[in-house]
Structures are given as C-alpha cells and as structure tokens.
Amino acid sequence: MHTRNLLEDPRASLVVEMPGWTGLANARVTIFGEVVPLPPDLQDAAGDLFAAKHGAAAGANGGRRGG
C-alpha cells in the first residue's frame, strides 16, 4: 500500500523520535521530501545494509523485493 501511494504522490514525511521520551517535549525531527526509486546499481548494497541492520525482519531475500 505504501509503494502504491508513493507512486501516485511521492511527497512524504518521516518523524524520528528519541526513544523513551513522551509527550509534547519529545526530542524529535520531521523530515519532508520526495521518495524516489533507488538506482538499480545500488539496490543490492542497500538490501545488504538493511539485512545487516534488521536481521530476520529482512526476510529471505535480504530485504529486496522482486525476483
């Protein structure tokens, strides 16, 4: 669903919060921008980095989609 929405409109925001903080005084930042596809020559390296960071959550294909 996220991919479909981004293909329709690539504008997005990402909120990053400091763990353990609560309420309106949270240490946080909101990043705004456009999401674009990663160039094909960087996709394998990005999948490897994702797998290294997230382990089992990366799935059997190292976080990469498709064939």
N, C-alpha and C. Protein backbone atom coordinates (compact mmCIF):
# COMPACT_ATOMS: atom_id res chain seq x y z
N MET A 1 0.83 -1.18 0.00
CA MET A 1 0.00 0.00 0.00
C MET A 1 0.88 1.25 0.00
N HIS A 2 1.97 1.26 0.80
CA HIS A 2 2.84 2.43 0.84
C HIS A 2 3.44 2.71 -0.54
N THR A 3 3.91 1.66 -1.19
CA THR A 3 4.51 1.83 -2.52
C THR A 3 3.51 2.39 -3.50
N ARG A 4 2.31 1.86 -3.48
CA ARG A 4 1.26 2.34 -4.39
C ARG A 4 0.98 3.82 -4.14
N ASN A 5 0.90 4.22 -2.88
CA ASN A 5 0.64 5.62 -2.56
C ASN A 5 1.79 6.51 -3.00
N LEU A 6 3.02 6.06 -2.81
CA LEU A 6 4.18 6.87 -3.20
C LEU A 6 4.31 6.98 -4.71
N LEU A 7 3.92 5.95 -5.43
CA LEU A 7 3.94 6.04 -6.89
C LEU A 7 2.92 7.06 -7.38
N GLU A 8 1.82 7.18 -6.67
CA GLU A 8 0.78 8.16 -7.02
C GLU A 8 1.22 9.58 -6.66
N ASP A 9 1.85 9.73 -5.49
CA ASP A 9 2.29 11.04 -5.00
C ASP A 9 3.54 10.83 -4.14
N PRO A 10 4.74 11.19 -4.65
CA PRO A 10 5.97 10.86 -3.95
C PRO A 10 6.28 11.74 -2.73
N ARG A 11 5.44 12.73 -2.44
CA ARG A 11 5.69 13.56 -1.26
C ARG A 11 5.46 12.75 0.00
N ALA A 12 6.38 12.88 0.96
CA ALA A 12 6.26 12.11 2.18
C ALA A 12 6.95 12.85 3.33
N SER A 13 6.64 12.42 4.54
CA SER A 13 7.34 12.92 5.71
C SER A 13 7.69 11.73 6.60
N LEU A 14 8.75 11.91 7.35
CA LEU A 14 9.23 10.87 8.25
C LEU A 14 9.50 11.54 9.59
N VAL A 15 8.91 11.01 10.67
CA VAL A 15 9.13 11.54 12.00
C VAL A 15 10.08 10.60 12.73
N VAL A 16 11.16 11.17 13.27
CA VAL A 16 12.14 10.40 14.04
C VAL A 16 12.09 10.93 15.46
N GLU A 17 11.86 10.02 16.44
CA GLU A 17 11.76 10.41 17.83
C GLU A 17 12.83 9.74 18.68
N MET A 18 13.24 10.41 19.72
CA MET A 18 14.20 9.87 20.67
C MET A 18 13.50 8.81 21.51
N PRO A 19 14.04 7.60 21.60
CA PRO A 19 13.41 6.55 22.40
C PRO A 19 13.27 6.96 23.88
N GLY A 20 12.14 6.60 24.45
CA GLY A 20 11.93 6.83 25.87
C GLY A 20 11.32 8.18 26.23
N TRP A 21 11.24 9.09 25.30
CA TRP A 21 10.65 10.40 25.59
C TRP A 21 9.15 10.32 25.34
N THR A 22 8.37 11.06 26.13
CA THR A 22 6.92 11.05 25.94
C THR A 22 6.39 12.48 25.97
N GLY A 23 5.22 12.65 25.43
CA GLY A 23 4.56 13.94 25.48
C GLY A 23 5.05 14.92 24.44
N LEU A 24 4.63 16.17 24.57
CA LEU A 24 4.95 17.19 23.58
C LEU A 24 6.40 17.64 23.64
N ALA A 25 7.12 17.29 24.72
CA ALA A 25 8.52 17.70 24.85
C ALA A 25 9.47 16.68 24.23
N ASN A 26 8.94 15.75 23.43
CA ASN A 26 9.78 14.74 22.78
C ASN A 26 10.92 15.38 22.00
N ALA A 27 12.06 14.68 22.02
CA ALA A 27 13.15 15.06 21.12
C ALA A 27 12.82 14.41 19.78
N ARG A 28 12.48 15.22 18.78
CA ARG A 28 12.05 14.65 17.51
C ARG A 28 12.37 15.61 16.37
N VAL A 29 12.37 15.05 15.19
CA VAL A 29 12.57 15.82 13.97
C VAL A 29 11.64 15.24 12.91
N THR A 30 11.08 16.10 12.07
CA THR A 30 10.27 15.65 10.95
C THR A 30 10.99 16.02 9.67
N ILE A 31 11.17 15.03 8.80
CA ILE A 31 11.86 15.22 7.53
C ILE A 31 10.82 15.17 6.42
N PHE A 32 10.81 16.18 5.57
CA PHE A 32 9.88 16.25 4.44
C PHE A 32 10.66 16.10 3.14
N GLY A 33 10.08 15.45 2.16
CA GLY A 33 10.74 15.35 0.87
C GLY A 33 9.95 14.48 -0.09
N GLU A 34 10.62 14.10 -1.16
CA GLU A 34 10.02 13.21 -2.15
C GLU A 34 10.78 11.89 -2.16
N VAL A 35 10.04 10.80 -2.21
CA VAL A 35 10.63 9.47 -2.25
C VAL A 35 10.81 9.08 -3.72
N VAL A 36 12.03 8.69 -4.06
CA VAL A 36 12.33 8.29 -5.43
C VAL A 36 12.95 6.89 -5.41
N PRO A 37 12.81 6.15 -6.51
CA PRO A 37 13.40 4.81 -6.55
C PRO A 37 14.93 4.87 -6.44
N LEU A 38 15.49 3.90 -5.75
CA LEU A 38 16.93 3.77 -5.65
C LEU A 38 17.47 3.27 -6.99
N PRO A 39 18.56 3.85 -7.49
CA PRO A 39 19.10 3.37 -8.76
C PRO A 39 19.41 1.87 -8.70
N PRO A 40 19.17 1.15 -9.79
CA PRO A 40 19.37 -0.31 -9.79
C PRO A 40 20.76 -0.75 -9.33
N ASP A 41 21.79 0.04 -9.64
CA ASP A 41 23.14 -0.37 -9.26
C ASP A 41 23.41 -0.25 -7.75
N LEU A 42 22.50 0.37 -6.99
CA LEU A 42 22.66 0.50 -5.54
C LEU A 42 21.72 -0.41 -4.76
N GLN A 43 20.79 -1.09 -5.44
CA GLN A 43 19.77 -1.86 -4.74
C GLN A 43 20.32 -3.05 -3.97
N ASP A 44 21.26 -3.78 -4.52
CA ASP A 44 21.82 -4.93 -3.80
C ASP A 44 22.54 -4.48 -2.53
N ALA A 45 23.34 -3.43 -2.63
CA ALA A 45 24.06 -2.92 -1.46
C ALA A 45 23.08 -2.42 -0.39
N ALA A 46 22.02 -1.75 -0.82
CA ALA A 46 21.02 -1.27 0.14
C ALA A 46 20.31 -2.44 0.82
N GLY A 47 20.00 -3.49 0.06
CA GLY A 47 19.39 -4.69 0.66
C GLY A 47 20.30 -5.34 1.66
N ASP A 48 21.60 -5.39 1.36
CA ASP A 48 22.57 -5.97 2.29
C ASP A 48 22.67 -5.15 3.58
N LEU A 49 22.66 -3.82 3.45
CA LEU A 49 22.69 -2.97 4.64
C LEU A 49 21.44 -3.15 5.49
N PHE A 50 20.29 -3.24 4.82
CA PHE A 50 19.03 -3.45 5.55
C PHE A 50 19.07 -4.78 6.30
N ALA A 51 19.54 -5.83 5.63
CA ALA A 51 19.61 -7.15 6.27
C ALA A 51 20.57 -7.13 7.45
N ALA A 52 21.69 -6.43 7.32
CA ALA A 52 22.66 -6.35 8.42
C ALA A 52 22.07 -5.62 9.62
N LYS A 53 21.26 -4.62 9.37
CA LYS A 53 20.67 -3.82 10.45
C LYS A 53 19.46 -4.51 11.08
N HIS A 54 18.64 -5.18 10.26
CA HIS A 54 17.36 -5.68 10.74
C HIS A 54 17.27 -7.20 10.84
N GLY A 55 18.30 -7.91 10.46
CA GLY A 55 18.35 -9.36 10.63
C GLY A 55 17.16 -10.08 10.03
N ALA A 56 16.46 -10.84 10.86
CA ALA A 56 15.37 -11.69 10.41
C ALA A 56 14.24 -10.90 9.75
N ALA A 57 14.07 -9.63 10.13
CA ALA A 57 13.00 -8.82 9.55
C ALA A 57 13.23 -8.57 8.07
N ALA A 58 14.47 -8.74 7.61
CA ALA A 58 14.80 -8.50 6.21
C ALA A 58 14.24 -9.58 5.30
N GLY A 59 13.94 -10.75 5.84
CA GLY A 59 13.38 -11.83 5.04
C GLY A 59 14.47 -12.60 4.31
N ALA A 60 14.04 -13.57 3.55
CA ALA A 60 14.96 -14.49 2.89
C ALA A 60 15.75 -13.84 1.78
N ASN A 61 15.26 -12.75 1.20
CA ASN A 61 15.96 -12.13 0.07
C ASN A 61 16.75 -10.90 0.47
N GLY A 62 17.11 -10.78 1.76
CA GLY A 62 17.93 -9.67 2.18
C GLY A 62 17.24 -8.33 2.13
N GLY A 63 15.92 -8.31 2.22
CA GLY A 63 15.17 -7.06 2.20
C GLY A 63 14.83 -6.58 0.80
N ARG A 64 15.26 -7.33 -0.22
CA ARG A 64 14.97 -6.92 -1.58
C ARG A 64 13.68 -7.54 -2.06
N ARG A 65 12.97 -6.80 -2.90
CA ARG A 65 11.71 -7.29 -3.44
C ARG A 65 11.92 -7.74 -4.87
N GLY A 66 11.03 -8.56 -5.28
CA GLY A 66 11.09 -9.00 -6.69
C GLY A 66 11.92 -10.24 -6.86
N GLY A 67 12.20 -10.59 -8.15
CA GLY A 67 12.87 -11.83 -8.47
C GLY A 67 14.29 -11.78 -8.38
